[in-house]
Amino acid sequence: FWNMLTGELIGVKAVTNPQGAYGA
């Protein structure tokens, strides 16, 4: 997640891909 005016990286989020329910 970026501030597009300052170029600052505000945050990072990682989650398991929910499509995994249909195969790894």
mmCIF file of all heavy atoms, coordinates in Angstrom:
data_MODEL
# 
_entry.id   MODEL 
# 
loop_
_atom_site.group_PDB 
_atom_site.id 
_atom_site.type_symbol 
_atom_site.label_atom_id 
_atom_site.label_alt_id 
_atom_site.label_comp_id 
_atom_site.label_asym_id 
_atom_site.label_entity_id 
_atom_site.label_seq_id 
_atom_site.pdbx_PDB_ins_code 
_atom_site.Cartn_x 
_atom_site.Cartn_y 
_atom_site.Cartn_z 
_atom_site.occupancy 
_atom_site.B_iso_or_equiv 
_atom_site.pdbx_formal_charge 
_atom_site.auth_seq_id 
_atom_site.auth_comp_id 
_atom_site.auth_asym_id 
_atom_site.auth_atom_id 
_atom_site.pdbx_PDB_model_num 
ATOM 1   N N   . PHE A 1 1  ? 0.852   -1.184  0.000  1.00 0.00 ? 1  PHE A N   1 
ATOM 2   C CA  . PHE A 1 1  ? 0.000   0.000   0.000  1.00 0.00 ? 1  PHE A CA  1 
ATOM 3   C C   . PHE A 1 1  ? 0.888   1.235   0.000  1.00 0.00 ? 1  PHE A C   1 
ATOM 4   O O   . PHE A 1 1  ? 1.726   1.401   0.890  1.00 0.00 ? 1  PHE A O   1 
ATOM 5   C CB  . PHE A 1 1  ? -0.907  -0.022  1.237  1.00 0.00 ? 1  PHE A CB  1 
ATOM 6   C CG  . PHE A 1 1  ? -1.934  1.060   1.266  1.00 0.00 ? 1  PHE A CG  1 
ATOM 7   C CD1 . PHE A 1 1  ? -2.763  1.294   0.185  1.00 0.00 ? 1  PHE A CD1 1 
ATOM 8   C CD2 . PHE A 1 1  ? -2.092  1.848   2.405  1.00 0.00 ? 1  PHE A CD2 1 
ATOM 9   C CE1 . PHE A 1 1  ? -3.721  2.285   0.229  1.00 0.00 ? 1  PHE A CE1 1 
ATOM 10  C CE2 . PHE A 1 1  ? -3.043  2.838   2.453  1.00 0.00 ? 1  PHE A CE2 1 
ATOM 11  C CZ  . PHE A 1 1  ? -3.867  3.054   1.360  1.00 0.00 ? 1  PHE A CZ  1 
ATOM 12  N N   . TRP A 1 2  ? 0.709   2.103   -1.015 1.00 0.00 ? 2  TRP A N   1 
ATOM 13  C CA  . TRP A 1 2  ? 1.633   3.208   -1.240 1.00 0.00 ? 2  TRP A CA  1 
ATOM 14  C C   . TRP A 1 2  ? 0.955   4.570   -1.158 1.00 0.00 ? 2  TRP A C   1 
ATOM 15  O O   . TRP A 1 2  ? -0.198  4.724   -1.569 1.00 0.00 ? 2  TRP A O   1 
ATOM 16  C CB  . TRP A 1 2  ? 2.244   3.101   -2.652 1.00 0.00 ? 2  TRP A CB  1 
ATOM 17  C CG  . TRP A 1 2  ? 3.135   1.925   -2.840 1.00 0.00 ? 2  TRP A CG  1 
ATOM 18  C CD1 . TRP A 1 2  ? 2.774   0.677   -3.254 1.00 0.00 ? 2  TRP A CD1 1 
ATOM 19  C CD2 . TRP A 1 2  ? 4.547   1.878   -2.621 1.00 0.00 ? 2  TRP A CD2 1 
ATOM 20  N NE1 . TRP A 1 2  ? 3.869   -0.141  -3.308 1.00 0.00 ? 2  TRP A NE1 1 
ATOM 21  C CE2 . TRP A 1 2  ? 4.974   0.574   -2.937 1.00 0.00 ? 2  TRP A CE2 1 
ATOM 22  C CE3 . TRP A 1 2  ? 5.492   2.813   -2.206 1.00 0.00 ? 2  TRP A CE3 1 
ATOM 23  C CZ2 . TRP A 1 2  ? 6.304   0.173   -2.844 1.00 0.00 ? 2  TRP A CZ2 1 
ATOM 24  C CZ3 . TRP A 1 2  ? 6.811   2.423   -2.118 1.00 0.00 ? 2  TRP A CZ3 1 
ATOM 25  C CH2 . TRP A 1 2  ? 7.210   1.121   -2.426 1.00 0.00 ? 2  TRP A CH2 1 
ATOM 26  N N   . ASN A 1 3  ? 1.713   5.552   -0.639 1.00 0.00 ? 3  ASN A N   1 
ATOM 27  C CA  . ASN A 1 3  ? 1.345   6.950   -0.801 1.00 0.00 ? 3  ASN A CA  1 
ATOM 28  C C   . ASN A 1 3  ? 1.925   7.390   -2.138 1.00 0.00 ? 3  ASN A C   1 
ATOM 29  O O   . ASN A 1 3  ? 3.144   7.461   -2.301 1.00 0.00 ? 3  ASN A O   1 
ATOM 30  C CB  . ASN A 1 3  ? 1.917   7.799   0.338  1.00 0.00 ? 3  ASN A CB  1 
ATOM 31  C CG  . ASN A 1 3  ? 1.496   9.251   0.248  1.00 0.00 ? 3  ASN A CG  1 
ATOM 32  O OD1 . ASN A 1 3  ? 1.459   9.851   -0.827 1.00 0.00 ? 3  ASN A OD1 1 
ATOM 33  N ND2 . ASN A 1 3  ? 1.169   9.834   1.390  1.00 0.00 ? 3  ASN A ND2 1 
ATOM 34  N N   . MET A 1 4  ? 1.072   7.673   -3.115 1.00 0.00 ? 4  MET A N   1 
ATOM 35  C CA  . MET A 1 4  ? 1.541   7.950   -4.468 1.00 0.00 ? 4  MET A CA  1 
ATOM 36  C C   . MET A 1 4  ? 2.132   9.344   -4.620 1.00 0.00 ? 4  MET A C   1 
ATOM 37  O O   . MET A 1 4  ? 2.743   9.656   -5.639 1.00 0.00 ? 4  MET A O   1 
ATOM 38  C CB  . MET A 1 4  ? 0.389   7.759   -5.466 1.00 0.00 ? 4  MET A CB  1 
ATOM 39  C CG  . MET A 1 4  ? -0.167  6.345   -5.499 1.00 0.00 ? 4  MET A CG  1 
ATOM 40  S SD  . MET A 1 4  ? 1.087   5.095   -5.903 1.00 0.00 ? 4  MET A SD  1 
ATOM 41  C CE  . MET A 1 4  ? 1.423   5.497   -7.607 1.00 0.00 ? 4  MET A CE  1 
ATOM 42  N N   . LEU A 1 5  ? 1.931   10.205  -3.623 1.00 0.00 ? 5  LEU A N   1 
ATOM 43  C CA  . LEU A 1 5  ? 2.493   11.552  -3.696 1.00 0.00 ? 5  LEU A CA  1 
ATOM 44  C C   . LEU A 1 5  ? 3.899   11.609  -3.131 1.00 0.00 ? 5  LEU A C   1 
ATOM 45  O O   . LEU A 1 5  ? 4.770   12.290  -3.674 1.00 0.00 ? 5  LEU A O   1 
ATOM 46  C CB  . LEU A 1 5  ? 1.589   12.538  -2.936 1.00 0.00 ? 5  LEU A CB  1 
ATOM 47  C CG  . LEU A 1 5  ? 0.150   12.651  -3.447 1.00 0.00 ? 5  LEU A CG  1 
ATOM 48  C CD1 . LEU A 1 5  ? -0.640  13.612  -2.582 1.00 0.00 ? 5  LEU A CD1 1 
ATOM 49  C CD2 . LEU A 1 5  ? 0.115   13.097  -4.899 1.00 0.00 ? 5  LEU A CD2 1 
ATOM 50  N N   . THR A 1 6  ? 4.140   10.862  -2.036 1.00 0.00 ? 6  THR A N   1 
ATOM 51  C CA  . THR A 1 6  ? 5.450   10.904  -1.372 1.00 0.00 ? 6  THR A CA  1 
ATOM 52  C C   . THR A 1 6  ? 6.330   9.713   -1.726 1.00 0.00 ? 6  THR A C   1 
ATOM 53  O O   . THR A 1 6  ? 7.533   9.726   -1.455 1.00 0.00 ? 6  THR A O   1 
ATOM 54  C CB  . THR A 1 6  ? 5.269   10.949  0.150  1.00 0.00 ? 6  THR A CB  1 
ATOM 55  O OG1 . THR A 1 6  ? 4.677   9.713   0.594  1.00 0.00 ? 6  THR A OG1 1 
ATOM 56  C CG2 . THR A 1 6  ? 4.369   12.113  0.565  1.00 0.00 ? 6  THR A CG2 1 
ATOM 57  N N   . GLY A 1 7  ? 5.740   8.663   -2.310 1.00 0.00 ? 7  GLY A N   1 
ATOM 58  C CA  . GLY A 1 7  ? 6.506   7.454   -2.594 1.00 0.00 ? 7  GLY A CA  1 
ATOM 59  C C   . GLY A 1 7  ? 6.746   6.601   -1.366 1.00 0.00 ? 7  GLY A C   1 
ATOM 60  O O   . GLY A 1 7  ? 7.588   5.698   -1.381 1.00 0.00 ? 7  GLY A O   1 
ATOM 61  N N   . GLU A 1 8  ? 5.992   6.843   -0.296 1.00 0.00 ? 8  GLU A N   1 
ATOM 62  C CA  . GLU A 1 8  ? 6.163   6.094   0.956  1.00 0.00 ? 8  GLU A CA  1 
ATOM 63  C C   . GLU A 1 8  ? 5.392   4.775   0.908  1.00 0.00 ? 8  GLU A C   1 
ATOM 64  O O   . GLU A 1 8  ? 4.220   4.738   0.533  1.00 0.00 ? 8  GLU A O   1 
ATOM 65  C CB  . GLU A 1 8  ? 5.667   6.928   2.133  1.00 0.00 ? 8  GLU A CB  1 
ATOM 66  C CG  . GLU A 1 8  ? 5.691   6.197   3.473  1.00 0.00 ? 8  GLU A CG  1 
ATOM 67  C CD  . GLU A 1 8  ? 4.960   6.946   4.560  1.00 0.00 ? 8  GLU A CD  1 
ATOM 68  O OE1 . GLU A 1 8  ? 4.374   8.013   4.268  1.00 0.00 ? 8  GLU A OE1 1 
ATOM 69  O OE2 . GLU A 1 8  ? 4.972   6.472   5.699  1.00 0.00 ? 8  GLU A OE2 1 
ATOM 70  N N   . LEU A 1 9  ? 6.080   3.690   1.288  1.00 0.00 ? 9  LEU A N   1 
ATOM 71  C CA  . LEU A 1 9  ? 5.409   2.406   1.460  1.00 0.00 ? 9  LEU A CA  1 
ATOM 72  C C   . LEU A 1 9  ? 4.735   2.418   2.821  1.00 0.00 ? 9  LEU A C   1 
ATOM 73  O O   . LEU A 1 9  ? 5.397   2.431   3.851  1.00 0.00 ? 9  LEU A O   1 
ATOM 74  C CB  . LEU A 1 9  ? 6.415   1.258   1.360  1.00 0.00 ? 9  LEU A CB  1 
ATOM 75  C CG  . LEU A 1 9  ? 5.864   -0.151  1.614  1.00 0.00 ? 9  LEU A CG  1 
ATOM 76  C CD1 . LEU A 1 9  ? 4.757   -0.497  0.643  1.00 0.00 ? 9  LEU A CD1 1 
ATOM 77  C CD2 . LEU A 1 9  ? 6.979   -1.189  1.540  1.00 0.00 ? 9  LEU A CD2 1 
ATOM 78  N N   . ILE A 1 10 ? 3.419   2.418   2.826  1.00 0.00 ? 10 ILE A N   1 
ATOM 79  C CA  . ILE A 1 10 ? 2.667   2.580   4.077  1.00 0.00 ? 10 ILE A CA  1 
ATOM 80  C C   . ILE A 1 10 ? 2.470   1.250   4.789  1.00 0.00 ? 10 ILE A C   1 
ATOM 81  O O   . ILE A 1 10 ? 2.613   1.151   6.002  1.00 0.00 ? 10 ILE A O   1 
ATOM 82  C CB  . ILE A 1 10 ? 1.302   3.237   3.785  1.00 0.00 ? 10 ILE A CB  1 
ATOM 83  C CG1 . ILE A 1 10 ? 1.519   4.630   3.184  1.00 0.00 ? 10 ILE A CG1 1 
ATOM 84  C CG2 . ILE A 1 10 ? 0.469   3.339   5.048  1.00 0.00 ? 10 ILE A CG2 1 
ATOM 85  C CD1 . ILE A 1 10 ? 0.235   5.282   2.706  1.00 0.00 ? 10 ILE A CD1 1 
ATOM 86  N N   . GLY A 1 11 ? 2.110   0.215   4.047  1.00 0.00 ? 11 GLY A N   1 
ATOM 87  C CA  . GLY A 1 11 ? 1.835   -1.062  4.686  1.00 0.00 ? 11 GLY A CA  1 
ATOM 88  C C   . GLY A 1 11 ? 1.926   -2.225  3.722  1.00 0.00 ? 11 GLY A C   1 
ATOM 89  O O   . GLY A 1 11 ? 1.863   -2.051  2.502  1.00 0.00 ? 11 GLY A O   1 
ATOM 90  N N   . VAL A 1 12 ? 2.076   -3.419  4.295  1.00 0.00 ? 12 VAL A N   1 
ATOM 91  C CA  . VAL A 1 12 ? 2.158   -4.660  3.504  1.00 0.00 ? 12 VAL A CA  1 
ATOM 92  C C   . VAL A 1 12 ? 1.187   -5.667  4.107  1.00 0.00 ? 12 VAL A C   1 
ATOM 93  O O   . VAL A 1 12 ? 1.096   -5.799  5.330  1.00 0.00 ? 12 VAL A O   1 
ATOM 94  C CB  . VAL A 1 12 ? 3.585   -5.245  3.508  1.00 0.00 ? 12 VAL A CB  1 
ATOM 95  C CG1 . VAL A 1 12 ? 3.644   -6.505  2.645  1.00 0.00 ? 12 VAL A CG1 1 
ATOM 96  C CG2 . VAL A 1 12 ? 4.594   -4.215  3.031  1.00 0.00 ? 12 VAL A CG2 1 
ATOM 97  N N   . LYS A 1 13 ? 0.480   -6.358  3.258  1.00 0.00 ? 13 LYS A N   1 
ATOM 98  C CA  . LYS A 1 13 ? -0.473  -7.373  3.693  1.00 0.00 ? 13 LYS A CA  1 
ATOM 99  C C   . LYS A 1 13 ? -0.276  -8.629  2.875  1.00 0.00 ? 13 LYS A C   1 
ATOM 100 O O   . LYS A 1 13 ? -0.131  -8.571  1.651  1.00 0.00 ? 13 LYS A O   1 
ATOM 101 C CB  . LYS A 1 13 ? -1.909  -6.845  3.513  1.00 0.00 ? 13 LYS A CB  1 
ATOM 102 C CG  . LYS A 1 13 ? -3.008  -7.858  3.779  1.00 0.00 ? 13 LYS A CG  1 
ATOM 103 C CD  . LYS A 1 13 ? -3.161  -8.154  5.236  1.00 0.00 ? 13 LYS A CD  1 
ATOM 104 C CE  . LYS A 1 13 ? -4.349  -9.102  5.486  1.00 0.00 ? 13 LYS A CE  1 
ATOM 105 N NZ  . LYS A 1 13 ? -4.445  -9.509  6.897  1.00 0.00 ? 13 LYS A NZ  1 
ATOM 106 N N   . ALA A 1 14 ? -0.243  -9.777  3.534  1.00 0.00 ? 14 ALA A N   1 
ATOM 107 C CA  . ALA A 1 14 ? -0.123  -11.058 2.837  1.00 0.00 ? 14 ALA A CA  1 
ATOM 108 C C   . ALA A 1 14 ? -1.194  -12.011 3.346  1.00 0.00 ? 14 ALA A C   1 
ATOM 109 O O   . ALA A 1 14 ? -1.413  -12.122 4.558  1.00 0.00 ? 14 ALA A O   1 
ATOM 110 C CB  . ALA A 1 14 ? 1.262   -11.657 3.056  1.00 0.00 ? 14 ALA A CB  1 
ATOM 111 N N   . VAL A 1 15 ? -1.871  -12.676 2.419  1.00 0.00 ? 15 VAL A N   1 
ATOM 112 C CA  . VAL A 1 15 ? -2.908  -13.640 2.779  1.00 0.00 ? 15 VAL A CA  1 
ATOM 113 C C   . VAL A 1 15 ? -2.764  -14.874 1.905  1.00 0.00 ? 15 VAL A C   1 
ATOM 114 O O   . VAL A 1 15 ? -2.171  -14.825 0.821  1.00 0.00 ? 15 VAL A O   1 
ATOM 115 C CB  . VAL A 1 15 ? -4.335  -13.051 2.608  1.00 0.00 ? 15 VAL A CB  1 
ATOM 116 C CG1 . VAL A 1 15 ? -4.535  -11.839 3.500  1.00 0.00 ? 15 VAL A CG1 1 
ATOM 117 C CG2 . VAL A 1 15 ? -4.608  -12.692 1.153  1.00 0.00 ? 15 VAL A CG2 1 
ATOM 118 N N   . THR A 1 16 ? -3.298  -15.967 2.376  1.00 0.00 ? 16 THR A N   1 
ATOM 119 C CA  . THR A 1 16 ? -3.313  -17.191 1.572  1.00 0.00 ? 16 THR A CA  1 
ATOM 120 C C   . THR A 1 16 ? -4.275  -17.016 0.401  1.00 0.00 ? 16 THR A C   1 
ATOM 121 O O   . THR A 1 16 ? -5.389  -16.504 0.562  1.00 0.00 ? 16 THR A O   1 
ATOM 122 C CB  . THR A 1 16 ? -3.768  -18.388 2.428  1.00 0.00 ? 16 THR A CB  1 
ATOM 123 O OG1 . THR A 1 16 ? -2.857  -18.559 3.510  1.00 0.00 ? 16 THR A OG1 1 
ATOM 124 C CG2 . THR A 1 16 ? -3.805  -19.664 1.604  1.00 0.00 ? 16 THR A CG2 1 
ATOM 125 N N   . ASN A 1 17 ? -3.847  -17.394 -0.791 1.00 0.00 ? 17 ASN A N   1 
ATOM 126 C CA  . ASN A 1 17 ? -4.694  -17.273 -1.969 1.00 0.00 ? 17 ASN A CA  1 
ATOM 127 C C   . ASN A 1 17 ? -5.945  -18.146 -1.788 1.00 0.00 ? 17 ASN A C   1 
ATOM 128 O O   . ASN A 1 17 ? -5.836  -19.374 -1.683 1.00 0.00 ? 17 ASN A O   1 
ATOM 129 C CB  . ASN A 1 17 ? -3.923  -17.721 -3.217 1.00 0.00 ? 17 ASN A CB  1 
ATOM 130 C CG  . ASN A 1 17 ? -4.679  -17.429 -4.505 1.00 0.00 ? 17 ASN A CG  1 
ATOM 131 O OD1 . ASN A 1 17 ? -5.903  -17.458 -4.547 1.00 0.00 ? 17 ASN A OD1 1 
ATOM 132 N ND2 . ASN A 1 17 ? -3.947  -17.157 -5.571 1.00 0.00 ? 17 ASN A ND2 1 
ATOM 133 N N   . PRO A 1 18 ? -7.124  -17.537 -1.739 1.00 0.00 ? 18 PRO A N   1 
ATOM 134 C CA  . PRO A 1 18 ? -8.344  -18.323 -1.491 1.00 0.00 ? 18 PRO A CA  1 
ATOM 135 C C   . PRO A 1 18 ? -8.695  -19.264 -2.624 1.00 0.00 ? 18 PRO A C   1 
ATOM 136 O O   . PRO A 1 18 ? -9.533  -20.158 -2.459 1.00 0.00 ? 18 PRO A O   1 
ATOM 137 C CB  . PRO A 1 18 ? -9.420  -17.235 -1.309 1.00 0.00 ? 18 PRO A CB  1 
ATOM 138 C CG  . PRO A 1 18 ? -8.904  -16.066 -2.089 1.00 0.00 ? 18 PRO A CG  1 
ATOM 139 C CD  . PRO A 1 18 ? -7.415  -16.114 -1.912 1.00 0.00 ? 18 PRO A CD  1 
ATOM 140 N N   . GLN A 1 19 ? -8.069  -19.100 -3.781 1.00 0.00 ? 19 GLN A N   1 
ATOM 141 C CA  . GLN A 1 19 ? -8.317  -20.023 -4.894 1.00 0.00 ? 19 GLN A CA  1 
ATOM 142 C C   . GLN A 1 19 ? -7.746  -21.404 -4.615 1.00 0.00 ? 19 GLN A C   1 
ATOM 143 O O   . GLN A 1 19 ? -8.024  -22.355 -5.348 1.00 0.00 ? 19 GLN A O   1 
ATOM 144 C CB  . GLN A 1 19 ? -7.704  -19.468 -6.178 1.00 0.00 ? 19 GLN A CB  1 
ATOM 145 C CG  . GLN A 1 19 ? -8.327  -18.170 -6.664 1.00 0.00 ? 19 GLN A CG  1 
ATOM 146 C CD  . GLN A 1 19 ? -7.581  -17.576 -7.841 1.00 0.00 ? 19 GLN A CD  1 
ATOM 147 O OE1 . GLN A 1 19 ? -6.387  -17.810 -8.020 1.00 0.00 ? 19 GLN A OE1 1 
ATOM 148 N NE2 . GLN A 1 19 ? -8.266  -16.786 -8.647 1.00 0.00 ? 19 GLN A NE2 1 
ATOM 149 N N   . GLY A 1 20 ? -6.945  -21.528 -3.547 1.00 0.00 ? 20 GLY A N   1 
ATOM 150 C CA  . GLY A 1 20 ? -6.374  -22.814 -3.175 1.00 0.00 ? 20 GLY A CA  1 
ATOM 151 C C   . GLY A 1 20 ? -7.419  -23.876 -2.890 1.00 0.00 ? 20 GLY A C   1 
ATOM 152 O O   . GLY A 1 20 ? -7.127  -25.077 -2.935 1.00 0.00 ? 20 GLY A O   1 
ATOM 153 N N   . ALA A 1 21 ? -8.647  -23.444 -2.593 1.00 0.00 ? 21 ALA A N   1 
ATOM 154 C CA  . ALA A 1 21 ? -9.732  -24.411 -2.373 1.00 0.00 ? 21 ALA A CA  1 
ATOM 155 C C   . ALA A 1 21 ? -10.032 -25.216 -3.622 1.00 0.00 ? 21 ALA A C   1 
ATOM 156 O O   . ALA A 1 21 ? -10.639 -26.290 -3.560 1.00 0.00 ? 21 ALA A O   1 
ATOM 157 C CB  . ALA A 1 21 ? -10.991 -23.682 -1.913 1.00 0.00 ? 21 ALA A CB  1 
ATOM 158 N N   . TYR A 1 22 ? -9.590  -24.723 -4.780 1.00 0.00 ? 22 TYR A N   1 
ATOM 159 C CA  . TYR A 1 22 ? -9.838  -25.413 -6.040 1.00 0.00 ? 22 TYR A CA  1 
ATOM 160 C C   . TYR A 1 22 ? -8.587  -26.115 -6.562 1.00 0.00 ? 22 TYR A C   1 
ATOM 161 O O   . TYR A 1 22 ? -8.526  -26.521 -7.722 1.00 0.00 ? 22 TYR A O   1 
ATOM 162 C CB  . TYR A 1 22 ? -10.343 -24.418 -7.084 1.00 0.00 ? 22 TYR A CB  1 
ATOM 163 C CG  . TYR A 1 22 ? -11.539 -23.625 -6.612 1.00 0.00 ? 22 TYR A CG  1 
ATOM 164 C CD1 . TYR A 1 22 ? -11.441 -22.260 -6.363 1.00 0.00 ? 22 TYR A CD1 1 
ATOM 165 C CD2 . TYR A 1 22 ? -12.758 -24.249 -6.374 1.00 0.00 ? 22 TYR A CD2 1 
ATOM 166 C CE1 . TYR A 1 22 ? -12.530 -21.531 -5.911 1.00 0.00 ? 22 TYR A CE1 1 
ATOM 167 C CE2 . TYR A 1 22 ? -13.846 -23.541 -5.921 1.00 0.00 ? 22 TYR A CE2 1 
ATOM 168 C CZ  . TYR A 1 22 ? -13.735 -22.176 -5.688 1.00 0.00 ? 22 TYR A CZ  1 
ATOM 169 O OH  . TYR A 1 22 ? -14.818 -21.465 -5.231 1.00 0.00 ? 22 TYR A OH  1 
ATOM 170 N N   . GLY A 1 23 ? -7.576  -26.257 -5.713 1.00 0.00 ? 23 GLY A N   1 
ATOM 171 C CA  . GLY A 1 23 ? -6.353  -26.939 -6.083 1.00 0.00 ? 23 GLY A CA  1 
ATOM 172 C C   . GLY A 1 23 ? -5.132  -26.117 -5.733 1.00 0.00 ? 23 GLY A C   1 
ATOM 173 O O   . GLY A 1 23 ? -5.142  -24.888 -5.835 1.00 0.00 ? 23 GLY A O   1 
ATOM 174 N N   . ALA A 1 24 ? -4.069  -26.796 -5.301 1.00 0.00 ? 24 ALA A N   1 
ATOM 175 C CA  . ALA A 1 24 ? -2.858  -26.088 -4.885 1.00 0.00 ? 24 ALA A CA  1 
ATOM 176 C C   . ALA A 1 24 ? -2.035  -25.616 -6.062 1.00 0.00 ? 24 ALA A C   1 
ATOM 177 O O   . ALA A 1 24 ? -1.316  -24.626 -5.969 1.00 0.00 ? 24 ALA A O   1 
ATOM 178 C CB  . ALA A 1 24 ? -2.013  -26.996 -3.992 1.00 0.00 ? 24 ALA A CB  1 
# 
